[in-house]
Amino acid sequence: MFNFGKFRKKRDSREFWAWLSANASRISAAGPEGAAHAAAELSRVFKSSYPDLVWEVTPNDSGPWTFCVSADGNPGLFDAVKSAVSDAPSIPGWEIRAFRQRGSLDAVIEMHGRKLSYDDIWCEVERDGDRARVKLLVRGLTLESAKDLLGAALVLLDNAIGEYDSVVKISELDNGPLPSAPVRSDKCFPLSELPGYLDSLEATAT
């Protein structure tokens, strides 16, 4: 008898969305703690349909919850993210979004005892067509602190401008220490102003 191996079940994206449609109200009714408890099950079902992508749930006390499908910053998976979201049905009380969205500019990141906020990061920019070369200037950046501070700075950057723009609108990313008394100009300003700058590039290019 010949053994040609096991049949592999073809992945069907509808399986995940059918599961989320059936369980969304249960998850949101349990609040943020319920979402945390459901994370393992949600991950298992999501990965069975979208093994290369990642997900994120944002609870909301006064509005719809958000389910985000992300490429985790990998541009080669952007089309897969768009396809996944296009497959999603309408789920009452939930919003389905592609890519991690822009977040609050009041965020503070702490890594290994080091804290970093948007007040601690400026950026130098140089226009590159409808994109920009960006240099992050980080307060307290040294060779010794680089591992912790640069990791936190990238999280704040991604949170400020969103996953899609961090890949599509930035052509080159560099870093350096923030001077003790930085001088604001059209090409050097706090990181919190970078989202508006990137939006202006798109507006002037059209």
N, C-alpha and C. Protein backbone atom coordinates (compact mmCIF):
# COMPACT_ATOMS: atom_id res chain seq x y z
N MET A 1 0.86 -1.20 0.00
CA MET A 1 0.00 0.00 0.00
C MET A 1 0.89 1.24 0.00
N PHE A 2 0.56 2.16 -0.88
CA PHE A 2 1.33 3.39 -0.96
C PHE A 2 0.75 4.44 -0.01
N ASN A 3 1.65 5.17 0.64
CA ASN A 3 1.22 6.24 1.53
C ASN A 3 1.70 7.56 0.95
N PHE A 4 0.78 8.32 0.42
CA PHE A 4 1.14 9.58 -0.21
C PHE A 4 1.05 10.76 0.76
N GLY A 5 0.89 10.48 2.05
CA GLY A 5 0.80 11.54 3.04
C GLY A 5 -0.63 11.93 3.34
N LYS A 6 -0.78 12.77 4.36
CA LYS A 6 -2.10 13.17 4.80
C LYS A 6 -2.63 14.31 3.94
N PHE A 7 -3.94 14.32 3.78
CA PHE A 7 -4.57 15.45 3.12
C PHE A 7 -4.52 16.66 4.05
N ARG A 8 -4.27 17.82 3.47
CA ARG A 8 -4.28 19.05 4.25
C ARG A 8 -5.56 19.82 3.96
N LYS A 9 -6.24 20.18 5.01
CA LYS A 9 -7.47 20.93 4.84
C LYS A 9 -7.15 22.34 4.35
N LYS A 10 -7.83 22.74 3.31
CA LYS A 10 -7.62 24.08 2.77
C LYS A 10 -8.14 25.12 3.75
N ARG A 11 -7.34 26.15 3.98
CA ARG A 11 -7.76 27.20 4.91
C ARG A 11 -8.90 28.00 4.30
N ASP A 12 -9.88 28.33 5.11
CA ASP A 12 -11.03 29.10 4.67
C ASP A 12 -11.18 30.29 5.61
N SER A 13 -10.96 31.49 5.07
CA SER A 13 -11.02 32.68 5.92
C SER A 13 -12.39 32.87 6.53
N ARG A 14 -13.41 32.33 5.89
CA ARG A 14 -14.77 32.50 6.41
C ARG A 14 -14.95 31.80 7.76
N GLU A 15 -14.13 30.82 8.03
CA GLU A 15 -14.24 30.12 9.31
C GLU A 15 -13.95 31.05 10.48
N PHE A 16 -12.91 31.88 10.34
CA PHE A 16 -12.60 32.80 11.43
C PHE A 16 -13.69 33.83 11.61
N TRP A 17 -14.12 34.44 10.51
CA TRP A 17 -15.13 35.49 10.63
C TRP A 17 -16.46 34.93 11.13
N ALA A 18 -16.77 33.71 10.76
CA ALA A 18 -17.98 33.07 11.29
C ALA A 18 -17.85 32.87 12.80
N TRP A 19 -16.64 32.47 13.24
CA TRP A 19 -16.41 32.28 14.67
C TRP A 19 -16.53 33.60 15.41
N LEU A 20 -15.91 34.67 14.87
CA LEU A 20 -15.96 35.97 15.55
C LEU A 20 -17.39 36.50 15.59
N SER A 21 -18.13 36.32 14.51
CA SER A 21 -19.53 36.76 14.50
C SER A 21 -20.33 36.08 15.59
N ALA A 22 -20.05 34.79 15.80
CA ALA A 22 -20.79 34.02 16.80
C ALA A 22 -20.35 34.33 18.23
N ASN A 23 -19.13 34.83 18.41
CA ASN A 23 -18.58 35.00 19.76
C ASN A 23 -18.32 36.45 20.14
N ALA A 24 -18.50 37.39 19.22
CA ALA A 24 -18.17 38.79 19.50
C ALA A 24 -18.96 39.35 20.66
N SER A 25 -20.26 39.09 20.70
CA SER A 25 -21.07 39.64 21.78
C SER A 25 -20.68 39.05 23.13
N ARG A 26 -20.31 37.78 23.15
CA ARG A 26 -19.85 37.14 24.40
C ARG A 26 -18.56 37.79 24.89
N ILE A 27 -17.64 38.06 23.96
CA ILE A 27 -16.36 38.65 24.33
C ILE A 27 -16.54 40.06 24.86
N SER A 28 -17.30 40.88 24.14
CA SER A 28 -17.47 42.27 24.55
C SER A 28 -18.30 42.38 25.83
N ALA A 29 -19.26 41.48 26.02
CA ALA A 29 -20.08 41.52 27.23
C ALA A 29 -19.26 41.26 28.48
N ALA A 30 -18.17 40.51 28.34
CA ALA A 30 -17.30 40.19 29.48
C ALA A 30 -16.31 41.31 29.77
N GLY A 31 -16.26 42.34 28.92
CA GLY A 31 -15.37 43.46 29.15
C GLY A 31 -13.92 43.13 28.81
N PRO A 32 -13.00 44.06 29.11
CA PRO A 32 -11.59 43.84 28.79
C PRO A 32 -11.02 42.54 29.37
N GLU A 33 -11.44 42.17 30.58
CA GLU A 33 -10.94 40.92 31.16
C GLU A 33 -11.42 39.72 30.36
N GLY A 34 -12.65 39.80 29.85
CA GLY A 34 -13.16 38.72 29.03
C GLY A 34 -12.38 38.57 27.74
N ALA A 35 -11.98 39.72 27.17
CA ALA A 35 -11.18 39.68 25.95
C ALA A 35 -9.83 39.02 26.22
N ALA A 36 -9.27 39.31 27.37
CA ALA A 36 -7.98 38.70 27.72
C ALA A 36 -8.12 37.19 27.87
N HIS A 37 -9.22 36.75 28.47
CA HIS A 37 -9.44 35.32 28.66
C HIS A 37 -9.68 34.61 27.33
N ALA A 38 -10.27 35.34 26.37
CA ALA A 38 -10.60 34.74 25.08
C ALA A 38 -9.43 34.79 24.10
N ALA A 39 -8.34 35.44 24.49
CA ALA A 39 -7.23 35.69 23.56
C ALA A 39 -6.65 34.40 22.98
N ALA A 40 -6.45 33.39 23.81
CA ALA A 40 -5.84 32.15 23.33
C ALA A 40 -6.72 31.47 22.30
N GLU A 41 -8.02 31.42 22.60
CA GLU A 41 -8.95 30.79 21.66
C GLU A 41 -9.04 31.60 20.37
N LEU A 42 -9.10 32.92 20.52
CA LEU A 42 -9.17 33.79 19.35
C LEU A 42 -7.94 33.62 18.47
N SER A 43 -6.78 33.56 19.09
CA SER A 43 -5.53 33.39 18.34
C SER A 43 -5.51 32.08 17.57
N ARG A 44 -5.97 31.03 18.22
CA ARG A 44 -5.97 29.72 17.56
C ARG A 44 -6.85 29.72 16.31
N VAL A 45 -8.05 30.28 16.43
CA VAL A 45 -8.96 30.30 15.29
C VAL A 45 -8.46 31.25 14.21
N PHE A 46 -7.92 32.40 14.63
CA PHE A 46 -7.40 33.37 13.66
C PHE A 46 -6.24 32.78 12.87
N LYS A 47 -5.32 32.12 13.56
CA LYS A 47 -4.14 31.55 12.90
C LYS A 47 -4.51 30.43 11.95
N SER A 48 -5.61 29.75 12.20
CA SER A 48 -6.02 28.68 11.30
C SER A 48 -6.46 29.23 9.95
N SER A 49 -6.91 30.49 9.94
CA SER A 49 -7.32 31.13 8.69
C SER A 49 -6.26 32.06 8.13
N TYR A 50 -5.53 32.73 9.02
CA TYR A 50 -4.54 33.72 8.59
C TYR A 50 -3.22 33.49 9.34
N PRO A 51 -2.48 32.48 8.96
CA PRO A 51 -1.28 32.10 9.73
C PRO A 51 -0.16 33.13 9.72
N ASP A 52 -0.15 34.02 8.73
CA ASP A 52 0.95 34.98 8.61
C ASP A 52 0.62 36.34 9.21
N LEU A 53 -0.62 36.54 9.61
CA LEU A 53 -1.04 37.85 10.09
C LEU A 53 -1.22 37.84 11.61
N VAL A 54 -1.38 39.02 12.18
CA VAL A 54 -1.62 39.14 13.61
C VAL A 54 -2.88 39.97 13.83
N TRP A 55 -3.39 39.93 15.05
CA TRP A 55 -4.64 40.63 15.35
C TRP A 55 -4.49 41.44 16.63
N GLU A 56 -5.42 42.34 16.83
CA GLU A 56 -5.43 43.17 18.04
C GLU A 56 -6.87 43.60 18.31
N VAL A 57 -7.30 43.50 19.56
CA VAL A 57 -8.63 43.93 19.96
C VAL A 57 -8.52 45.14 20.87
N THR A 58 -9.29 46.18 20.57
CA THR A 58 -9.33 47.37 21.41
C THR A 58 -10.72 47.52 22.00
N PRO A 59 -10.88 47.28 23.31
CA PRO A 59 -12.20 47.45 23.94
C PRO A 59 -12.61 48.92 23.98
N ASN A 60 -13.91 49.14 24.12
CA ASN A 60 -14.42 50.50 24.19
C ASN A 60 -15.63 50.50 25.12
N ASP A 61 -15.58 51.33 26.16
CA ASP A 61 -16.68 51.37 27.13
C ASP A 61 -17.93 52.03 26.58
N SER A 62 -17.76 52.96 25.64
CA SER A 62 -18.91 53.75 25.18
C SER A 62 -19.19 53.63 23.69
N GLY A 63 -18.51 52.74 23.01
CA GLY A 63 -18.70 52.61 21.57
C GLY A 63 -18.31 51.24 21.09
N PRO A 64 -18.24 51.06 19.78
CA PRO A 64 -17.89 49.74 19.25
C PRO A 64 -16.47 49.33 19.58
N TRP A 65 -16.28 48.05 19.78
CA TRP A 65 -14.95 47.50 19.94
C TRP A 65 -14.29 47.43 18.56
N THR A 66 -12.95 47.46 18.56
CA THR A 66 -12.22 47.40 17.30
C THR A 66 -11.43 46.11 17.20
N PHE A 67 -11.60 45.42 16.08
CA PHE A 67 -10.76 44.26 15.78
C PHE A 67 -9.86 44.65 14.62
N CYS A 68 -8.56 44.64 14.87
CA CYS A 68 -7.58 45.08 13.87
C CYS A 68 -6.81 43.88 13.33
N VAL A 69 -6.72 43.80 12.01
CA VAL A 69 -5.88 42.80 11.35
C VAL A 69 -4.60 43.49 10.92
N SER A 70 -3.45 42.94 11.28
CA SER A 70 -2.18 43.61 11.08
C SER A 70 -1.17 42.71 10.38
N ALA A 71 -0.29 43.37 9.61
CA ALA A 71 0.84 42.67 8.99
C ALA A 71 2.06 42.72 9.88
N ASP A 72 1.92 43.33 11.06
CA ASP A 72 3.03 43.50 11.99
C ASP A 72 4.20 44.22 11.33
N GLY A 73 3.87 45.19 10.46
CA GLY A 73 4.89 46.01 9.82
C GLY A 73 5.55 45.40 8.60
N ASN A 74 5.09 44.25 8.15
CA ASN A 74 5.69 43.58 6.99
C ASN A 74 4.97 44.01 5.72
N PRO A 75 5.58 44.84 4.87
CA PRO A 75 4.88 45.33 3.67
C PRO A 75 4.50 44.22 2.70
N GLY A 76 5.21 43.11 2.74
CA GLY A 76 4.88 41.99 1.86
C GLY A 76 3.55 41.34 2.19
N LEU A 77 3.00 41.66 3.36
CA LEU A 77 1.73 41.08 3.79
C LEU A 77 0.58 42.09 3.75
N PHE A 78 0.84 43.29 3.24
CA PHE A 78 -0.20 44.32 3.24
C PHE A 78 -1.42 43.90 2.41
N ASP A 79 -1.18 43.28 1.25
CA ASP A 79 -2.31 42.84 0.42
C ASP A 79 -3.11 41.76 1.14
N ALA A 80 -2.42 40.90 1.89
CA ALA A 80 -3.11 39.85 2.64
C ALA A 80 -4.00 40.46 3.72
N VAL A 81 -3.54 41.54 4.35
CA VAL A 81 -4.35 42.22 5.36
C VAL A 81 -5.61 42.80 4.72
N LYS A 82 -5.44 43.48 3.60
CA LYS A 82 -6.59 44.08 2.92
C LYS A 82 -7.59 43.01 2.50
N SER A 83 -7.07 41.88 2.01
CA SER A 83 -7.95 40.79 1.60
C SER A 83 -8.71 40.22 2.79
N ALA A 84 -8.01 40.06 3.91
CA ALA A 84 -8.66 39.51 5.11
C ALA A 84 -9.79 40.41 5.58
N VAL A 85 -9.54 41.71 5.61
CA VAL A 85 -10.56 42.65 6.07
C VAL A 85 -11.73 42.72 5.09
N SER A 86 -11.45 42.58 3.80
CA SER A 86 -12.53 42.59 2.81
C SER A 86 -13.45 41.38 2.96
N ASP A 87 -12.93 40.30 3.55
CA ASP A 87 -13.73 39.09 3.78
C ASP A 87 -14.63 39.21 5.01
N ALA A 88 -14.36 40.22 5.84
CA ALA A 88 -15.08 40.31 7.12
C ALA A 88 -16.53 40.74 6.92
N PRO A 89 -17.44 40.11 7.64
CA PRO A 89 -18.84 40.54 7.61
C PRO A 89 -19.06 41.72 8.54
N SER A 90 -20.23 42.28 8.51
CA SER A 90 -20.60 43.31 9.47
C SER A 90 -20.94 42.63 10.79
N ILE A 91 -20.28 43.06 11.87
CA ILE A 91 -20.50 42.46 13.19
C ILE A 91 -21.03 43.55 14.12
N PRO A 92 -22.26 43.46 14.59
CA PRO A 92 -22.83 44.49 15.46
C PRO A 92 -21.95 44.76 16.68
N GLY A 93 -21.71 46.04 16.93
CA GLY A 93 -20.91 46.43 18.09
C GLY A 93 -19.42 46.35 17.89
N TRP A 94 -18.99 46.03 16.68
CA TRP A 94 -17.57 45.91 16.39
C TRP A 94 -17.22 46.65 15.09
N GLU A 95 -15.99 47.15 15.03
CA GLU A 95 -15.43 47.71 13.81
C GLU A 95 -14.23 46.85 13.41
N ILE A 96 -14.16 46.47 12.14
CA ILE A 96 -13.05 45.68 11.63
C ILE A 96 -12.14 46.61 10.83
N ARG A 97 -10.88 46.68 11.20
CA ARG A 97 -9.96 47.61 10.54
C ARG A 97 -8.70 46.91 10.06
N ALA A 98 -8.18 47.43 8.98
CA ALA A 98 -6.90 46.95 8.45
C ALA A 98 -5.77 47.79 9.02
N PHE A 99 -4.75 47.15 9.55
CA PHE A 99 -3.54 47.79 10.06
C PHE A 99 -3.78 48.49 11.40
N ARG A 100 -2.75 48.53 12.21
CA ARG A 100 -2.83 49.23 13.49
C ARG A 100 -3.02 50.72 13.21
N GLN A 101 -4.00 51.30 13.87
CA GLN A 101 -4.35 52.69 13.63
C GLN A 101 -3.50 53.64 14.48
N ARG A 102 -3.60 54.91 14.17
CA ARG A 102 -2.94 55.93 15.00
C ARG A 102 -3.57 55.94 16.39
N GLY A 103 -2.72 56.11 17.38
CA GLY A 103 -3.19 56.08 18.76
C GLY A 103 -3.01 57.41 19.47
N SER A 104 -3.19 57.38 20.77
CA SER A 104 -3.08 58.58 21.58
C SER A 104 -1.64 59.09 21.63
N LEU A 105 -1.50 60.40 21.56
CA LEU A 105 -0.17 61.01 21.65
C LEU A 105 0.20 61.32 23.10
N ASP A 106 -0.56 60.78 24.03
CA ASP A 106 -0.24 60.90 25.45
C ASP A 106 0.42 59.63 25.99
N ALA A 107 0.68 58.68 25.11
CA ALA A 107 1.21 57.39 25.54
C ALA A 107 2.61 57.53 26.15
N VAL A 108 2.88 56.67 27.11
CA VAL A 108 4.20 56.59 27.74
C VAL A 108 4.63 55.13 27.71
N ILE A 109 5.84 54.88 27.23
CA ILE A 109 6.37 53.52 27.15
C ILE A 109 7.46 53.35 28.20
N GLU A 110 7.42 52.22 28.91
CA GLU A 110 8.46 51.91 29.89
C GLU A 110 9.08 50.57 29.55
N MET A 111 10.39 50.55 29.38
CA MET A 111 11.12 49.32 29.09
C MET A 111 12.33 49.22 29.99
N HIS A 112 12.38 48.17 30.79
CA HIS A 112 13.51 47.91 31.67
C HIS A 112 13.85 49.12 32.54
N GLY A 113 12.82 49.74 33.08
CA GLY A 113 13.02 50.85 34.00
C GLY A 113 13.22 52.20 33.33
N ARG A 114 13.22 52.25 32.01
CA ARG A 114 13.37 53.52 31.29
C ARG A 114 12.02 53.93 30.72
N LYS A 115 11.63 55.19 30.95
CA LYS A 115 10.37 55.71 30.44
C LYS A 115 10.62 56.66 29.27
N LEU A 116 9.71 56.60 28.30
CA LEU A 116 9.83 57.45 27.13
C LEU A 116 8.43 57.91 26.73
N SER A 117 8.28 59.22 26.51
CA SER A 117 7.00 59.78 26.07
C SER A 117 7.23 60.60 24.81
N TYR A 118 6.16 61.16 24.27
CA TYR A 118 6.30 61.96 23.05
C TYR A 118 7.06 63.26 23.30
N ASP A 119 7.13 63.69 24.55
CA ASP A 119 7.93 64.87 24.87
C ASP A 119 9.43 64.59 24.73
N ASP A 120 9.79 63.32 24.71
CA ASP A 120 11.20 62.94 24.68
C ASP A 120 11.72 62.63 23.28
N ILE A 121 10.88 62.76 22.27
CA ILE A 121 11.30 62.42 20.91
C ILE A 121 10.94 63.55 19.94
N TRP A 122 11.93 64.00 19.20
CA TRP A 122 11.73 64.92 18.10
C TRP A 122 12.12 64.19 16.82
N CYS A 123 11.88 64.82 15.70
CA CYS A 123 12.29 64.20 14.44
C CYS A 123 12.78 65.25 13.45
N GLU A 124 13.81 64.89 12.73
CA GLU A 124 14.27 65.67 11.59
C GLU A 124 13.72 65.01 10.34
N VAL A 125 13.18 65.81 9.42
CA VAL A 125 12.56 65.24 8.23
C VAL A 125 13.16 65.83 6.97
N GLU A 126 13.15 65.04 5.92
CA GLU A 126 13.56 65.49 4.60
C GLU A 126 12.61 64.87 3.59
N ARG A 127 11.99 65.71 2.80
CA ARG A 127 11.00 65.21 1.85
C ARG A 127 11.67 64.35 0.79
N ASP A 128 10.97 63.25 0.44
CA ASP A 128 11.45 62.32 -0.57
C ASP A 128 10.26 61.97 -1.47
N GLY A 129 9.89 62.90 -2.35
CA GLY A 129 8.69 62.74 -3.16
C GLY A 129 7.45 62.85 -2.28
N ASP A 130 6.60 61.83 -2.31
CA ASP A 130 5.43 61.83 -1.42
C ASP A 130 5.71 61.05 -0.15
N ARG A 131 7.00 60.80 0.12
CA ARG A 131 7.43 60.13 1.33
C ARG A 131 8.40 61.04 2.08
N ALA A 132 9.00 60.54 3.15
CA ALA A 132 9.93 61.35 3.93
C ALA A 132 11.03 60.49 4.53
N ARG A 133 12.22 61.07 4.56
CA ARG A 133 13.30 60.49 5.35
C ARG A 133 13.18 61.06 6.76
N VAL A 134 13.20 60.20 7.75
CA VAL A 134 12.94 60.63 9.12
C VAL A 134 14.08 60.19 10.03
N LYS A 135 14.55 61.12 10.85
CA LYS A 135 15.54 60.79 11.87
C LYS A 135 14.92 61.08 13.23
N LEU A 136 14.80 60.05 14.05
CA LEU A 136 14.25 60.22 15.39
C LEU A 136 15.34 60.69 16.33
N LEU A 137 15.09 61.79 17.03
CA LEU A 137 16.02 62.33 18.02
C LEU A 137 15.46 62.00 19.40
N VAL A 138 16.16 61.15 20.13
CA VAL A 138 15.62 60.58 21.37
C VAL A 138 16.40 61.10 22.58
N ARG A 139 15.65 61.63 23.54
CA ARG A 139 16.28 62.15 24.75
C ARG A 139 16.98 61.03 25.53
N GLY A 140 18.25 61.27 25.90
CA GLY A 140 18.99 60.31 26.70
C GLY A 140 19.57 59.15 25.91
N LEU A 141 19.55 59.23 24.58
CA LEU A 141 20.05 58.13 23.76
C LEU A 141 21.57 58.07 23.82
N THR A 142 22.09 56.94 24.24
CA THR A 142 23.52 56.66 24.26
C THR A 142 23.73 55.23 23.79
N LEU A 143 24.97 54.84 23.65
CA LEU A 143 25.25 53.46 23.27
C LEU A 143 24.69 52.49 24.31
N GLU A 144 24.75 52.89 25.58
CA GLU A 144 24.29 52.01 26.65
C GLU A 144 22.76 51.93 26.70
N SER A 145 22.08 53.02 26.37
CA SER A 145 20.62 53.04 26.49
C SER A 145 19.91 52.72 25.18
N ALA A 146 20.68 52.57 24.10
CA ALA A 146 20.08 52.44 22.77
C ALA A 146 19.10 51.28 22.66
N LYS A 147 19.46 50.14 23.21
CA LYS A 147 18.61 48.95 23.06
C LYS A 147 17.22 49.19 23.62
N ASP A 148 17.14 49.79 24.80
CA ASP A 148 15.84 50.03 25.43
C ASP A 148 15.12 51.21 24.82
N LEU A 149 15.82 52.33 24.65
CA LEU A 149 15.17 53.55 24.19
C LEU A 149 14.72 53.47 22.73
N LEU A 150 15.52 52.85 21.87
CA LEU A 150 15.13 52.78 20.46
C LEU A 150 13.94 51.85 20.28
N GLY A 151 13.88 50.79 21.06
CA GLY A 151 12.70 49.92 20.99
C GLY A 151 11.44 50.67 21.38
N ALA A 152 11.53 51.46 22.46
CA ALA A 152 10.38 52.24 22.91
C ALA A 152 10.03 53.33 21.90
N ALA A 153 11.06 53.94 21.30
CA ALA A 153 10.83 55.00 20.31
C ALA A 153 10.08 54.47 19.09
N LEU A 154 10.41 53.27 18.66
CA LEU A 154 9.73 52.67 17.51
C LEU A 154 8.27 52.37 17.83
N VAL A 155 8.00 51.94 19.05
CA VAL A 155 6.61 51.70 19.46
C VAL A 155 5.82 53.01 19.42
N LEU A 156 6.41 54.09 19.92
CA LEU A 156 5.74 55.39 19.92
C LEU A 156 5.56 55.91 18.50
N LEU A 157 6.55 55.68 17.64
CA LEU A 157 6.43 56.10 16.24
C LEU A 157 5.26 55.37 15.58
N ASP A 158 5.22 54.06 15.73
CA ASP A 158 4.15 53.26 15.13
C ASP A 158 2.79 53.69 15.67
N ASN A 159 2.73 53.99 16.95
CA ASN A 159 1.48 54.43 17.56
C ASN A 159 1.06 55.80 17.04
N ALA A 160 2.03 56.68 16.79
CA ALA A 160 1.72 58.04 16.35
C ALA A 160 1.18 58.09 14.93
N ILE A 161 1.81 57.35 14.03
CA ILE A 161 1.45 57.49 12.61
C ILE A 161 0.71 56.29 12.05
N GLY A 162 0.60 55.22 12.82
CA GLY A 162 -0.10 54.03 12.34
C GLY A 162 0.82 53.10 11.57
N GLU A 163 0.43 51.84 11.54
CA GLU A 163 1.26 50.81 10.90
C GLU A 163 1.48 51.07 9.41
N TYR A 164 0.41 51.44 8.70
CA TYR A 164 0.49 51.60 7.25
C TYR A 164 1.44 52.74 6.88
N ASP A 165 1.25 53.90 7.50
CA ASP A 165 2.09 55.06 7.17
C ASP A 165 3.53 54.86 7.59
N SER A 166 3.77 54.09 8.65
CA SER A 166 5.14 53.88 9.11
C SER A 166 5.96 53.13 8.08
N VAL A 167 5.28 52.36 7.22
CA VAL A 167 5.98 51.62 6.17
C VAL A 167 5.91 52.35 4.83
N VAL A 168 4.73 52.84 4.49
CA VAL A 168 4.49 53.39 3.15
C VAL A 168 5.02 54.82 3.01
N LYS A 169 4.92 55.62 4.06
CA LYS A 169 5.25 57.04 3.93
C LYS A 169 6.65 57.41 4.42
N ILE A 170 7.36 56.47 5.03
CA ILE A 170 8.73 56.74 5.47
C ILE A 170 9.68 55.94 4.60
N SER A 171 10.52 56.64 3.86
CA SER A 171 11.45 55.97 2.94
C SER A 171 12.74 55.56 3.62
N GLU A 172 13.09 56.25 4.69
CA GLU A 172 14.34 55.96 5.40
C GLU A 172 14.19 56.40 6.85
N LEU A 173 14.66 55.59 7.78
CA LEU A 173 14.53 55.89 9.20
C LEU A 173 15.88 55.80 9.88
N ASP A 174 16.24 56.86 10.60
CA ASP A 174 17.51 56.91 11.31
C ASP A 174 17.24 57.39 12.73
N ASN A 175 18.28 57.49 13.54
CA ASN A 175 18.10 57.93 14.91
C ASN A 175 19.34 58.65 15.40
N GLY A 176 19.18 59.38 16.48
CA GLY A 176 20.28 60.09 17.11
C GLY A 176 19.83 60.67 18.43
N PRO A 177 20.75 61.22 19.22
CA PRO A 177 20.38 61.81 20.51
C PRO A 177 19.69 63.16 20.33
N LEU A 178 18.76 63.46 21.21
CA LEU A 178 18.08 64.75 21.19
C LEU A 178 18.93 65.79 21.90
N PRO A 179 19.22 66.93 21.26
CA PRO A 179 19.98 67.99 21.95
C PRO A 179 19.25 68.47 23.20
N SER A 180 19.99 69.04 24.12
CA SER A 180 19.39 69.49 25.38
C SER A 180 18.39 70.62 25.16
N ALA A 181 18.60 71.43 24.11
CA ALA A 181 17.68 72.53 23.81
C ALA A 181 17.36 72.52 22.31
N PRO A 182 16.53 71.59 21.86
CA PRO A 182 16.24 71.50 20.43
C PRO A 182 15.52 72.75 19.92
N VAL A 183 15.80 73.12 18.70
CA VAL A 183 15.19 74.31 18.08
C VAL A 183 14.20 73.85 17.03
N ARG A 184 12.96 74.27 17.19
CA ARG A 184 11.93 73.85 16.26
C ARG A 184 12.06 74.58 14.92
N SER A 185 11.84 73.84 13.82
CA SER A 185 11.83 74.42 12.48
C SER A 185 10.89 73.59 11.62
N ASP A 186 10.78 73.96 10.33
CA ASP A 186 9.92 73.20 9.43
C ASP A 186 10.42 71.78 9.23
N LYS A 187 11.71 71.56 9.49
CA LYS A 187 12.29 70.24 9.27
C LYS A 187 12.73 69.57 10.56
N CYS A 188 12.41 70.16 11.69
CA CYS A 188 12.75 69.57 12.98
C CYS A 188 11.66 69.96 13.99
N PHE A 189 10.97 68.95 14.50
CA PHE A 189 9.83 69.23 15.37
C PHE A 189 9.52 68.00 16.21
N PRO A 190 8.67 68.14 17.24
CA PRO A 190 8.33 67.00 18.09
C PRO A 190 7.66 65.88 17.28
N LEU A 191 7.86 64.65 17.71
CA LEU A 191 7.28 63.50 17.03
C LEU A 191 5.76 63.60 16.94
N SER A 192 5.14 64.24 17.91
CA SER A 192 3.68 64.36 17.91
C SER A 192 3.17 65.11 16.69
N GLU A 193 4.04 65.88 16.01
CA GLU A 193 3.64 66.64 14.83
C GLU A 193 3.91 65.88 13.53
N LEU A 194 4.54 64.72 13.62
CA LEU A 194 4.86 63.97 12.40
C LEU A 194 3.62 63.48 11.65
N PRO A 195 2.55 63.04 12.32
CA PRO A 195 1.37 62.62 11.55
C PRO A 195 0.85 63.71 10.62
N GLY A 196 0.77 64.94 11.11
CA GLY A 196 0.30 66.04 10.28
C GLY A 196 1.25 66.33 9.13
N TYR A 197 2.55 66.21 9.39
CA TYR A 197 3.53 66.44 8.32
C TYR A 197 3.37 65.40 7.22
N LEU A 198 3.23 64.14 7.58
CA LEU A 198 3.08 63.09 6.57
C LEU A 198 1.78 63.26 5.79
N ASP A 199 0.73 63.68 6.46
CA ASP A 199 -0.54 63.93 5.77
C ASP A 199 -0.39 65.06 4.77
N SER A 200 0.41 66.07 5.11
CA SER A 200 0.59 67.20 4.20
C SER A 200 1.34 66.80 2.94
N LEU A 201 2.23 65.82 3.04
CA LEU A 201 2.95 65.34 1.86
C LEU A 201 1.98 64.72 0.87
N GLU A 202 1.05 63.94 1.38
CA GLU A 202 0.07 63.30 0.51
C GLU A 202 -0.83 64.34 -0.14
N ALA A 203 -1.18 65.38 0.64
CA ALA A 203 -2.08 66.41 0.11
C ALA A 203 -1.42 67.21 -1.00
N THR A 204 -0.13 67.55 -0.83
CA THR A 204 0.56 68.36 -1.84
C THR A 204 0.97 67.55 -3.05
N ALA A 205 1.00 66.21 -2.90
CA ALA A 205 1.39 65.36 -4.04
C ALA A 205 0.23 65.12 -4.99
N THR A 206 -1.02 65.37 -4.52
CA THR A 206 -2.20 65.10 -5.35
C THR A 206 -2.72 66.35 -6.01
